[in-house]
Amino acid sequence: MRTTITVEDGVMEKLMKYTKSKTRTEAVNRALADWVQHLKIEKLRSLRGKLYMEDNWEKLRSMEIQENRATYGKRSR
């Protein structure tokens, strides 16, 4: 998407330096992508202590196998 923005020269120079970008467009795209990633991580961090996950994958896997056997029958090898 094409967009026109005004960025201070000093800020753009620093942005290009930190992102190690060769063009202003590349620098802005990298900075925006990094910012979105940062926001996603912060959102996940805000959930800390609010979710409970039970470690019962073995039981669930066993139930899934039994369910498949009941539905499709035992496979012969």
Protein backbone atom coordinates (compact mmCIF):
# COMPACT_ATOMS: atom_id res chain seq x y z
CA MET A 1 0.00 0.00 0.00
CA ARG A 2 1.35 3.38 -0.89
CA THR A 3 1.25 6.01 1.86
CA THR A 4 2.86 9.41 2.30
CA ILE A 5 4.21 10.20 5.76
CA THR A 6 6.39 12.91 7.23
CA VAL A 7 9.25 11.68 9.42
CA GLU A 8 11.91 13.86 11.00
CA ASP A 9 15.32 13.44 9.37
CA GLY A 10 17.07 12.44 12.58
CA VAL A 11 14.47 9.83 13.38
CA MET A 12 14.67 8.32 9.90
CA GLU A 13 18.47 8.21 10.05
CA LYS A 14 18.35 6.40 13.39
CA LEU A 15 15.67 4.05 12.11
CA MET A 16 17.74 3.13 9.06
CA LYS A 17 20.81 2.64 11.28
CA TYR A 18 19.03 0.40 13.81
CA THR A 19 17.19 -1.67 11.21
CA LYS A 20 20.29 -1.86 9.00
CA SER A 21 18.06 -1.04 6.04
CA LYS A 22 19.29 0.33 2.73
CA THR A 23 16.09 2.18 1.90
CA ARG A 24 13.64 4.27 3.88
CA THR A 25 10.76 2.06 2.76
CA GLU A 26 12.50 -1.06 4.02
CA ALA A 27 13.30 0.65 7.33
CA VAL A 28 9.69 1.73 7.88
CA ASN A 29 8.34 -1.72 6.93
CA ARG A 30 10.75 -3.45 9.32
CA ALA A 31 9.94 -1.03 12.12
CA LEU A 32 6.20 -1.49 11.67
CA ALA A 33 6.49 -5.29 11.51
CA ASP A 34 8.62 -5.27 14.68
CA TRP A 35 6.12 -3.02 16.44
CA VAL A 36 3.21 -5.31 15.58
CA GLN A 37 5.23 -8.30 16.87
CA HIS A 38 5.99 -6.37 20.06
CA LEU A 39 2.27 -5.66 20.59
CA LYS A 40 1.39 -9.34 20.11
CA ILE A 41 3.97 -10.37 22.68
CA GLU A 42 2.70 -7.78 25.15
CA LYS A 43 -0.85 -9.07 24.67
CA LEU A 44 0.31 -12.61 25.45
CA ARG A 45 2.23 -11.41 28.49
CA SER A 46 -0.87 -9.70 29.81
CA LEU A 47 -2.53 -13.12 30.00
CA ARG A 48 0.08 -14.41 32.44
CA GLY A 49 -1.61 -15.98 35.42
CA LYS A 50 -5.04 -15.79 33.83
CA LEU A 51 -4.99 -19.08 31.94
CA TYR A 52 -4.85 -22.60 33.32
CA MET A 53 -3.70 -25.38 31.07
CA GLU A 54 -3.83 -28.93 32.26
CA ASP A 55 -0.92 -31.15 31.28
CA ASN A 56 -2.93 -34.18 30.19
CA TRP A 57 -1.77 -34.71 26.62
CA GLU A 58 -1.09 -38.42 27.23
CA LYS A 59 -4.65 -39.03 28.39
CA LEU A 60 -6.05 -37.06 25.44
CA ARG A 61 -3.87 -38.99 22.97
CA SER A 62 -5.04 -42.30 24.44
CA MET A 63 -8.67 -41.21 24.15
CA GLU A 64 -8.09 -40.16 20.54
CA ILE A 65 -6.59 -43.55 19.66
CA GLN A 66 -9.51 -45.38 21.28
CA GLU A 67 -11.97 -43.17 19.44
CA ASN A 68 -10.28 -43.84 16.09
CA ARG A 69 -10.27 -47.60 16.73
CA ALA A 70 -13.96 -47.53 17.55
CA THR A 71 -14.74 -45.53 14.43
CA TYR A 72 -12.44 -47.17 11.89
CA GLY A 73 -11.68 -50.51 13.48
CA LYS A 74 -8.26 -51.91 14.21
CA ARG A 75 -5.80 -51.62 11.37
CA SER A 76 -3.88 -54.71 10.42
CA ARG A 77 -0.17 -54.26 9.91
